[in-house]
């Protein structure tokens, strides 16, 4: 649930992020073709990744999202601080009960896709980031790495995982969304794998086949559908797991003018 108090512009609102073109596209394409996933470290010019990080870490108005009784819920994350300990514990118990056997998630988000298309934060840096994700440079590179010419646009959200936050096993395949590839641009500085928040991939036997730690300024790509999860963030993590994430989709953007 977005609130207008978020509407203050961020820093460097007119400076679009730039890709640090150092990667071996042929090797990335080969690995993506073989494994259905790939990591691209040092994806953006370092100062540009820092600008996005700084913008998000100073931003207020995040929503807490979770799944109850088969329905998506979001609520003002800061408002939860005013709840009694008993009420917070009751909500967490309900979230954990579903997570034990079904799909569940619990983390904070900024809906960049909606912010952009509904002009909710005009002049804010997240709009520039969204335009970068939908620019020719980014989309063309994504088509080359994934060898998928059907990729036409990107949606986006910022996510923030603190202690106790998680995303259980799922494959991102939703009818009608035309999702081709999922992406995660990691923006957590100095993250330790011991803190959790690992993007985990599963094999046919249900074992964790591979895990990606959220290294700063690393872009993760995975084919849809791919079974994956984000492991729970440990209570001793001293930073939040921050990223911009979403899907590279085919067809026309349904919210574009």
C-alpha atoms as a PDB file:
ATOM      1  CA  UNK A   1       0.000   0.000   0.000  1.00  0.00           C
ATOM      2  CA  UNK A   2       1.831   3.061  -1.280  1.00  0.00           C
ATOM      3  CA  UNK A   3       1.599   6.349   0.597  1.00  0.00           C
ATOM      4  CA  UNK A   4       2.163   9.847  -0.675  1.00  0.00           C
ATOM      5  CA  UNK A   5       4.660  10.656   2.066  1.00  0.00           C
ATOM      6  CA  UNK A   6       7.140   8.748  -0.118  1.00  0.00           C
ATOM      7  CA  UNK A   7       7.007  11.392  -2.797  1.00  0.00           C
ATOM      8  CA  UNK A   8      10.225  13.289  -2.036  1.00  0.00           C
ATOM      9  CA  UNK A   9      12.798  13.033  -4.871  1.00  0.00           C
ATOM     10  CA  UNK A  10      15.874  10.887  -4.386  1.00  0.00           C
ATOM     11  CA  UNK A  11      19.468  11.832  -5.039  1.00  0.00           C
ATOM     12  CA  UNK A  12      20.855  11.939  -8.601  1.00  0.00           C
ATOM     13  CA  UNK A  13      17.302  11.838 -10.007  1.00  0.00           C
ATOM     14  CA  UNK A  14      18.503  12.785 -13.504  1.00  0.00           C
ATOM     15  CA  UNK A  15      21.452  10.367 -13.777  1.00  0.00           C
ATOM     16  CA  UNK A  16      20.519   7.022 -15.317  1.00  0.00           C
ATOM     17  CA  UNK A  17      22.419   3.917 -14.166  1.00  0.00           C
ATOM     18  CA  UNK A  18      25.082   2.650 -16.552  1.00  0.00           C
ATOM     19  CA  UNK A  19      26.057  -0.929 -17.301  1.00  0.00           C
ATOM     20  CA  UNK A  20      29.729  -1.721 -16.714  1.00  0.00           C
ATOM     21  CA  UNK A  21      30.332  -3.542 -20.006  1.00  0.00           C
ATOM     22  CA  UNK A  22      33.073  -5.950 -19.006  1.00  0.00           C
ATOM     23  CA  UNK A  23      31.214  -9.275 -19.135  1.00  0.00           C
ATOM     24  CA  UNK A  24      31.728 -12.084 -21.632  1.00  0.00           C
ATOM     25  CA  UNK A  25      28.261 -12.278 -23.180  1.00  0.00           C
ATOM     26  CA  UNK A  26      28.971 -15.516 -25.072  1.00  0.00           C
ATOM     27  CA  UNK A  27      30.023 -17.308 -21.879  1.00  0.00           C
ATOM     28  CA  UNK A  28      27.024 -15.967 -19.968  1.00  0.00           C
ATOM     29  CA  UNK A  29      24.688 -17.075 -22.768  1.00  0.00           C
ATOM     30  CA  UNK A  30      26.246 -20.553 -22.796  1.00  0.00           C
ATOM     31  CA  UNK A  31      25.842 -20.904 -19.011  1.00  0.00           C
ATOM     32  CA  UNK A  32      22.270 -19.619 -19.076  1.00  0.00           C
ATOM     33  CA  UNK A  33      21.407 -22.047 -21.856  1.00  0.00           C
ATOM     34  CA  UNK A  34      22.892 -24.954 -19.886  1.00  0.00           C
ATOM     35  CA  UNK A  35      21.736 -24.147 -16.343  1.00  0.00           C
ATOM     36  CA  UNK A  36      18.812 -21.759 -16.790  1.00  0.00           C
ATOM     37  CA  UNK A  37      20.447 -19.241 -14.467  1.00  0.00           C
ATOM     38  CA  UNK A  38      23.494 -17.001 -14.348  1.00  0.00           C
ATOM     39  CA  UNK A  39      25.184 -14.337 -12.216  1.00  0.00           C
ATOM     40  CA  UNK A  40      26.740 -11.161 -13.610  1.00  0.00           C
ATOM     41  CA  UNK A  41      29.025  -9.551 -11.002  1.00  0.00           C
ATOM     42  CA  UNK A  42      29.922  -5.845 -11.063  1.00  0.00           C
ATOM     43  CA  UNK A  43      26.950  -5.258 -13.332  1.00  0.00           C
ATOM     44  CA  UNK A  44      26.638  -1.474 -12.993  1.00  0.00           C
ATOM     45  CA  UNK A  45      29.273   1.226 -12.893  1.00  0.00           C
ATOM     46  CA  UNK A  46      30.148   1.110  -9.140  1.00  0.00           C
ATOM     47  CA  UNK A  47      29.057   4.646  -8.332  1.00  0.00           C
ATOM     48  CA  UNK A  48      25.698   4.049  -9.994  1.00  0.00           C
ATOM     49  CA  UNK A  49      25.036   0.955  -7.874  1.00  0.00           C
ATOM     50  CA  UNK A  50      25.936   3.053  -4.828  1.00  0.00           C
ATOM     51  CA  UNK A  51      23.419   5.720  -5.886  1.00  0.00           C
ATOM     52  CA  UNK A  52      20.589   3.170  -6.074  1.00  0.00           C
ATOM     53  CA  UNK A  53      21.636   1.673  -2.749  1.00  0.00           C
ATOM     54  CA  UNK A  54      21.683   5.071  -1.066  1.00  0.00           C
ATOM     55  CA  UNK A  55      18.319   5.986  -2.561  1.00  0.00           C
ATOM     56  CA  UNK A  56      16.651   2.834  -1.235  1.00  0.00           C
ATOM     57  CA  UNK A  57      18.267   2.794   2.203  1.00  0.00           C
ATOM     58  CA  UNK A  58      17.088   6.334   2.913  1.00  0.00           C
ATOM     59  CA  UNK A  59      13.582   5.794   1.508  1.00  0.00           C
ATOM     60  CA  UNK A  60      10.560   5.618   3.821  1.00  0.00           C
ATOM     61  CA  UNK A  61       7.151   4.112   3.158  1.00  0.00           C
ATOM     62  CA  UNK A  62       7.993   0.463   2.600  1.00  0.00           C
ATOM     63  CA  UNK A  63       5.160  -2.082   2.676  1.00  0.00           C
ATOM     64  CA  UNK A  64       5.319  -5.405   4.503  1.00  0.00           C
ATOM     65  CA  UNK A  65       3.945  -8.195   2.321  1.00  0.00           C
ATOM     66  CA  UNK A  66       2.804 -11.712   3.200  1.00  0.00           C
ATOM     67  CA  UNK A  67       0.253 -14.362   2.246  1.00  0.00           C
ATOM     68  CA  UNK A  68      -2.718 -15.240   4.455  1.00  0.00           C
ATOM     69  CA  UNK A  69      -5.599 -17.531   3.542  1.00  0.00           C
ATOM     70  CA  UNK A  70      -4.455 -17.590  -0.057  1.00  0.00           C
ATOM     71  CA  UNK A  71      -4.518 -13.799  -0.418  1.00  0.00           C
ATOM     72  CA  UNK A  72      -1.707 -11.303  -0.834  1.00  0.00           C
ATOM     73  CA  UNK A  73      -1.562  -8.719   1.961  1.00  0.00           C
ATOM     74  CA  UNK A  74       0.496  -5.590   2.320  1.00  0.00           C
ATOM     75  CA  UNK A  75       0.584  -3.125   5.166  1.00  0.00           C
ATOM     76  CA  UNK A  76       2.644  -0.106   6.136  1.00  0.00           C
ATOM     77  CA  UNK A  77       5.826  -1.667   7.519  1.00  0.00           C
ATOM     78  CA  UNK A  78       6.455   1.208   9.920  1.00  0.00           C
ATOM     79  CA  UNK A  79       2.925   0.879  11.334  1.00  0.00           C
ATOM     80  CA  UNK A  80       3.765  -2.602  12.614  1.00  0.00           C
ATOM     81  CA  UNK A  81       6.088  -0.947  15.119  1.00  0.00           C
ATOM     82  CA  UNK A  82       3.045   0.482  16.908  1.00  0.00           C
ATOM     83  CA  UNK A  83       1.407  -2.919  17.290  1.00  0.00           C
ATOM     84  CA  UNK A  84       1.507  -4.649  20.641  1.00  0.00           C
ATOM     85  CA  UNK A  85       3.954  -7.508  21.022  1.00  0.00           C
ATOM     86  CA  UNK A  86       0.977  -9.867  21.347  1.00  0.00           C
ATOM     87  CA  UNK A  87      -0.505  -8.742  18.012  1.00  0.00           C
ATOM     88  CA  UNK A  88       2.840  -8.943  16.216  1.00  0.00           C
ATOM     89  CA  UNK A  89       3.388 -12.444  17.573  1.00  0.00           C
ATOM     90  CA  UNK A  90      -0.107 -13.510  16.467  1.00  0.00           C
ATOM     91  CA  UNK A  91       0.549 -12.298  12.905  1.00  0.00           C
ATOM     92  CA  UNK A  92       3.958 -13.961  12.794  1.00  0.00           C
ATOM     93  CA  UNK A  93       2.485 -17.247  14.041  1.00  0.00           C
ATOM     94  CA  UNK A  94      -0.082 -17.186  11.225  1.00  0.00           C
ATOM     95  CA  UNK A  95       2.626 -16.448   8.669  1.00  0.00           C
ATOM     96  CA  UNK A  96       4.807 -19.264   9.975  1.00  0.00           C
ATOM     97  CA  UNK A  97       1.928 -21.760  10.055  1.00  0.00           C
ATOM     98  CA  UNK A  98       1.379 -21.289   6.320  1.00  0.00           C
ATOM     99  CA  UNK A  99       5.101 -21.309   5.579  1.00  0.00           C
ATOM    100  CA  UNK A 100       5.447 -24.742   7.194  1.00  0.00           C
ATOM    101  CA  UNK A 101       3.545 -26.468   4.392  1.00  0.00           C
ATOM    102  CA  UNK A 102       2.610 -23.951   1.672  1.00  0.00           C
ATOM    103  CA  UNK A 103       3.941 -21.041  -0.336  1.00  0.00           C
ATOM    104  CA  UNK A 104       4.661 -18.041   1.886  1.00  0.00           C
ATOM    105  CA  UNK A 105       6.661 -14.822   1.880  1.00  0.00           C
ATOM    106  CA  UNK A 106       7.448 -12.146   4.427  1.00  0.00           C
ATOM    107  CA  UNK A 107       9.526  -9.110   3.469  1.00  0.00           C
ATOM    108  CA  UNK A 108       9.265  -5.389   2.669  1.00  0.00           C
ATOM    109  CA  UNK A 109       8.718  -3.895  -0.761  1.00  0.00           C
ATOM    110  CA  UNK A 110       8.479  -0.710  -2.820  1.00  0.00           C
ATOM    111  CA  UNK A 111       6.349  -1.289  -5.959  1.00  0.00           C
ATOM    112  CA  UNK A 112       8.502   0.531  -8.519  1.00  0.00           C
ATOM    113  CA  UNK A 113       6.391  -0.653 -11.474  1.00  0.00           C
ATOM    114  CA  UNK A 114       3.242   0.904  -9.984  1.00  0.00           C
ATOM    115  CA  UNK A 115       5.123   3.984  -8.791  1.00  0.00           C
ATOM    116  CA  UNK A 116       6.247   4.678 -12.333  1.00  0.00           C
ATOM    117  CA  UNK A 117       3.041   3.955 -14.209  1.00  0.00           C
ATOM    118  CA  UNK A 118       0.766   5.708 -11.716  1.00  0.00           C
ATOM    119  CA  UNK A 119       3.038   8.761 -11.299  1.00  0.00           C
ATOM    120  CA  UNK A 120       3.075   8.306  -7.527  1.00  0.00           C
ATOM    121  CA  UNK A 121       6.584   9.681  -6.940  1.00  0.00           C
ATOM    122  CA  UNK A 122       7.252  12.105  -9.768  1.00  0.00           C
ATOM    123  CA  UNK A 123      10.900  13.186 -10.042  1.00  0.00           C
ATOM    124  CA  UNK A 124      12.121  10.380  -7.776  1.00  0.00           C
ATOM    125  CA  UNK A 125      15.201   8.387  -8.745  1.00  0.00           C
ATOM    126  CA  UNK A 126      13.288   5.076  -8.848  1.00  0.00           C
ATOM    127  CA  UNK A 127      11.556   6.353 -12.001  1.00  0.00           C
ATOM    128  CA  UNK A 128      14.947   6.789 -13.656  1.00  0.00           C
ATOM    129  CA  UNK A 129      15.914   3.264 -12.594  1.00  0.00           C
ATOM    130  CA  UNK A 130      12.700   1.888 -14.067  1.00  0.00           C
ATOM    131  CA  UNK A 131      13.353   3.642 -17.374  1.00  0.00           C
ATOM    132  CA  UNK A 132      16.873   2.187 -17.396  1.00  0.00           C
ATOM    133  CA  UNK A 133      15.448  -1.323 -16.911  1.00  0.00           C
ATOM    134  CA  UNK A 134      13.173  -0.729 -19.893  1.00  0.00           C
ATOM    135  CA  UNK A 135      15.771   0.957 -22.081  1.00  0.00           C
ATOM    136  CA  UNK A 136      17.301  -0.564 -25.185  1.00  0.00           C
ATOM    137  CA  UNK A 137      20.731  -1.082 -23.591  1.00  0.00           C
ATOM    138  CA  UNK A 138      19.461  -3.246 -20.713  1.00  0.00           C
ATOM    139  CA  UNK A 139      16.790  -5.163 -22.616  1.00  0.00           C
ATOM    140  CA  UNK A 140      19.086  -5.893 -25.563  1.00  0.00           C
ATOM    141  CA  UNK A 141      21.767  -7.265 -23.242  1.00  0.00           C
ATOM    142  CA  UNK A 142      19.177  -9.422 -21.466  1.00  0.00           C
ATOM    143  CA  UNK A 143      17.991 -10.798 -24.813  1.00  0.00           C
ATOM    144  CA  UNK A 144      21.568 -11.649 -25.750  1.00  0.00           C
ATOM    145  CA  UNK A 145      22.430 -13.348 -22.446  1.00  0.00           C
ATOM    146  CA  UNK A 146      19.203 -15.361 -22.297  1.00  0.00           C
ATOM    147  CA  UNK A 147      18.930 -15.864 -26.075  1.00  0.00           C
ATOM    148  CA  UNK A 148      15.291 -14.872 -25.715  1.00  0.00           C
ATOM    149  CA  UNK A 149      14.093 -12.375 -28.309  1.00  0.00           C
ATOM    150  CA  UNK A 150      10.595 -12.396 -26.813  1.00  0.00           C
ATOM    151  CA  UNK A 151      11.727 -10.225 -23.887  1.00  0.00           C
ATOM    152  CA  UNK A 152       9.971  -6.882 -24.399  1.00  0.00           C
ATOM    153  CA  UNK A 153       9.792  -5.083 -21.059  1.00  0.00           C
ATOM    154  CA  UNK A 154      10.684  -5.326 -17.367  1.00  0.00           C
ATOM    155  CA  UNK A 155       8.566  -4.818 -14.307  1.00  0.00           C
ATOM    156  CA  UNK A 156      10.283  -3.992 -11.015  1.00  0.00           C
ATOM    157  CA  UNK A 157      10.011  -3.765  -7.269  1.00  0.00           C
ATOM    158  CA  UNK A 158      12.545  -2.997  -4.565  1.00  0.00           C
ATOM    159  CA  UNK A 159      12.703  -5.570  -1.781  1.00  0.00           C
ATOM    160  CA  UNK A 160      14.149  -5.386   1.701  1.00  0.00           C
ATOM    161  CA  UNK A 161      14.669  -8.509   3.806  1.00  0.00           C
ATOM    162  CA  UNK A 162      15.464  -7.995   7.480  1.00  0.00           C
ATOM    163  CA  UNK A 163      15.907 -10.605  10.220  1.00  0.00           C
ATOM    164  CA  UNK A 164      13.178 -13.230  10.021  1.00  0.00           C
ATOM    165  CA  UNK A 165      12.167 -12.404   6.443  1.00  0.00           C
ATOM    166  CA  UNK A 166      11.998 -15.132   3.795  1.00  0.00           C
ATOM    167  CA  UNK A 167      10.442 -16.399   0.555  1.00  0.00           C
ATOM    168  CA  UNK A 168       9.566 -20.085   0.312  1.00  0.00           C
ATOM    169  CA  UNK A 169       9.935 -22.402  -2.654  1.00  0.00           C
ATOM    170  CA  UNK A 170       8.078 -21.473  -5.872  1.00  0.00           C
ATOM    171  CA  UNK A 171       8.728 -21.143  -9.614  1.00  0.00           C
ATOM    172  CA  UNK A 172       7.386 -17.635 -10.588  1.00  0.00           C
ATOM    173  CA  UNK A 173       5.104 -19.074 -13.274  1.00  0.00           C
ATOM    174  CA  UNK A 174       1.788 -17.160 -13.203  1.00  0.00           C
ATOM    175  CA  UNK A 175      -0.781 -17.496 -15.990  1.00  0.00           C
ATOM    176  CA  UNK A 176      -1.173 -14.350 -18.059  1.00  0.00           C
ATOM    177  CA  UNK A 177       1.954 -12.564 -16.764  1.00  0.00           C
ATOM    178  CA  UNK A 178       4.156 -13.637 -19.708  1.00  0.00           C
ATOM    179  CA  UNK A 179       7.224 -13.927 -17.487  1.00  0.00           C
ATOM    180  CA  UNK A 180      10.264 -15.135 -19.435  1.00  0.00           C
ATOM    181  CA  UNK A 181      13.155 -14.487 -17.021  1.00  0.00           C
ATOM    182  CA  UNK A 182      13.377 -13.374 -13.391  1.00  0.00           C
ATOM    183  CA  UNK A 183      16.093 -10.928 -12.390  1.00  0.00           C
ATOM    184  CA  UNK A 184      17.573  -9.713  -9.094  1.00  0.00           C
ATOM    185  CA  UNK A 185      19.934  -6.752  -8.876  1.00  0.00           C
ATOM    186  CA  UNK A 186      21.599  -7.147  -5.476  1.00  0.00           C
ATOM    187  CA  UNK A 187      22.363  -3.972  -3.561  1.00  0.00           C
ATOM    188  CA  UNK A 188      23.479  -5.249  -0.127  1.00  0.00           C
ATOM    189  CA  UNK A 189      26.922  -4.120   0.950  1.00  0.00           C
ATOM    190  CA  UNK A 190      29.217  -6.497   2.861  1.00  0.00           C
ATOM    191  CA  UNK A 191      26.656  -9.316   3.037  1.00  0.00           C
ATOM    192  CA  UNK A 192      27.760 -12.524   4.759  1.00  0.00           C
ATOM    193  CA  UNK A 193      26.379 -15.870   3.597  1.00  0.00           C
ATOM    194  CA  UNK A 194      26.032 -16.747   7.290  1.00  0.00           C
ATOM    195  CA  UNK A 195      23.249 -14.161   7.479  1.00  0.00           C
ATOM    196  CA  UNK A 196      20.982 -16.179   5.151  1.00  0.00           C
ATOM    197  CA  UNK A 197      19.011 -14.437   2.418  1.00  0.00           C
ATOM    198  CA  UNK A 198      20.451 -16.906  -0.092  1.00  0.00           C
ATOM    199  CA  UNK A 199      18.740 -17.336  -3.451  1.00  0.00           C
ATOM    200  CA  UNK A 200      18.441 -21.141  -3.511  1.00  0.00           C
ATOM    201  CA  UNK A 201      17.776 -23.372  -6.516  1.00  0.00           C
ATOM    202  CA  UNK A 202      16.366 -26.914  -6.250  1.00  0.00           C
ATOM    203  CA  UNK A 203      16.947 -30.064  -8.284  1.00  0.00           C
ATOM    204  CA  UNK A 204      14.464 -32.802  -9.146  1.00  0.00           C
ATOM    205  CA  UNK A 205      15.163 -34.565  -5.833  1.00  0.00           C
ATOM    206  CA  UNK A 206      14.292 -31.496  -3.790  1.00  0.00           C
ATOM    207  CA  UNK A 207      17.891 -30.814  -2.808  1.00  0.00           C
ATOM    208  CA  UNK A 208      19.445 -27.368  -2.980  1.00  0.00           C
ATOM    209  CA  UNK A 209      21.378 -27.580  -6.211  1.00  0.00           C
ATOM    210  CA  UNK A 210      22.948 -24.111  -6.048  1.00  0.00           C
ATOM    211  CA  UNK A 211      22.798 -20.948  -3.956  1.00  0.00           C
ATOM    212  CA  UNK A 212      23.592 -17.326  -4.777  1.00  0.00           C
ATOM    213  CA  UNK A 213      24.634 -15.009  -1.964  1.00  0.00           C
ATOM    214  CA  UNK A 214      23.330 -11.440  -2.536  1.00  0.00           C
ATOM    215  CA  UNK A 215      26.673  -9.916  -3.456  1.00  0.00           C
ATOM    216  CA  UNK A 216      26.627  -6.163  -4.019  1.00  0.00           C
ATOM    217  CA  UNK A 217      26.094  -4.994  -7.598  1.00  0.00           C
ATOM    218  CA  UNK A 218      25.546  -8.532  -8.909  1.00  0.00           C
ATOM    219  CA  UNK A 219      22.707  -9.261 -11.315  1.00  0.00           C
ATOM    220  CA  UNK A 220      21.107 -12.706 -11.040  1.00  0.00           C
ATOM    221  CA  UNK A 221      19.021 -14.109 -13.894  1.00  0.00           C
ATOM    222  CA  UNK A 222      16.882 -17.265 -13.919  1.00  0.00           C
ATOM    223  CA  UNK A 223      14.573 -18.777 -16.493  1.00  0.00           C
ATOM    224  CA  UNK A 224      10.861 -18.956 -15.638  1.00  0.00           C
ATOM    225  CA  UNK A 225       9.774 -21.448 -14.416  1.00  0.00           C
ATOM    226  CA  UNK A 226      12.629 -22.314 -12.040  1.00  0.00           C
ATOM    227  CA  UNK A 227      12.062 -23.593  -8.521  1.00  0.00           C
ATOM    228  CA  UNK A 228      13.803 -21.312  -6.031  1.00  0.00           C
ATOM    229  CA  UNK A 229      13.493 -19.644  -2.635  1.00  0.00           C
ATOM    230  CA  UNK A 230      15.154 -16.991  -0.485  1.00  0.00           C
ATOM    231  CA  UNK A 231      16.371 -18.490   2.773  1.00  0.00           C
ATOM    232  CA  UNK A 232      15.356 -16.828   6.019  1.00  0.00           C
ATOM    233  CA  UNK A 233      17.537 -13.935   7.175  1.00  0.00           C
ATOM    234  CA  UNK A 234      19.266 -14.644  10.477  1.00  0.00           C
ATOM    235  CA  UNK A 235      18.455 -12.638  13.628  1.00  0.00           C
ATOM    236  CA  UNK A 236      22.123 -11.582  13.871  1.00  0.00           C
ATOM    237  CA  UNK A 237      22.275 -10.014  10.386  1.00  0.00           C
ATOM    238  CA  UNK A 238      23.483  -6.437  10.821  1.00  0.00           C
ATOM    239  CA  UNK A 239      22.207  -5.140   7.459  1.00  0.00           C
ATOM    240  CA  UNK A 240      19.102  -5.599   5.311  1.00  0.00           C
ATOM    241  CA  UNK A 241      19.113  -7.632   2.117  1.00  0.00           C
ATOM    242  CA  UNK A 242      18.174  -4.964  -0.449  1.00  0.00           C
ATOM    243  CA  UNK A 243      17.582  -5.553  -4.143  1.00  0.00           C
ATOM    244  CA  UNK A 244      15.622  -4.512  -7.192  1.00  0.00           C
ATOM    245  CA  UNK A 245      13.860  -7.508  -8.613  1.00  0.00           C
ATOM    246  CA  UNK A 246      11.182  -8.446 -11.094  1.00  0.00           C
ATOM    247  CA  UNK A 247      10.582 -10.213 -14.368  1.00  0.00           C
ATOM    248  CA  UNK A 248      11.563  -9.719 -18.001  1.00  0.00           C
ATOM    249  CA  UNK A 249       8.281 -10.205 -19.809  1.00  0.00           C
ATOM    250  CA  UNK A 250       7.019 -10.713 -23.361  1.00  0.00           C
ATOM    251  CA  UNK A 251       4.260  -8.820 -25.131  1.00  0.00           C
ATOM    252  CA  UNK A 252       3.113  -5.291 -24.435  1.00  0.00           C
ATOM    253  CA  UNK A 253       3.384  -3.701 -21.009  1.00  0.00           C
ATOM    254  CA  UNK A 254      -0.270  -3.692 -19.858  1.00  0.00           C
ATOM    255  CA  UNK A 255       0.190  -0.446 -17.922  1.00  0.00           C
ATOM    256  CA  UNK A 256       2.069   1.462 -20.606  1.00  0.00           C
ATOM    257  CA  UNK A 257       0.269   4.409 -22.176  1.00  0.00           C
END
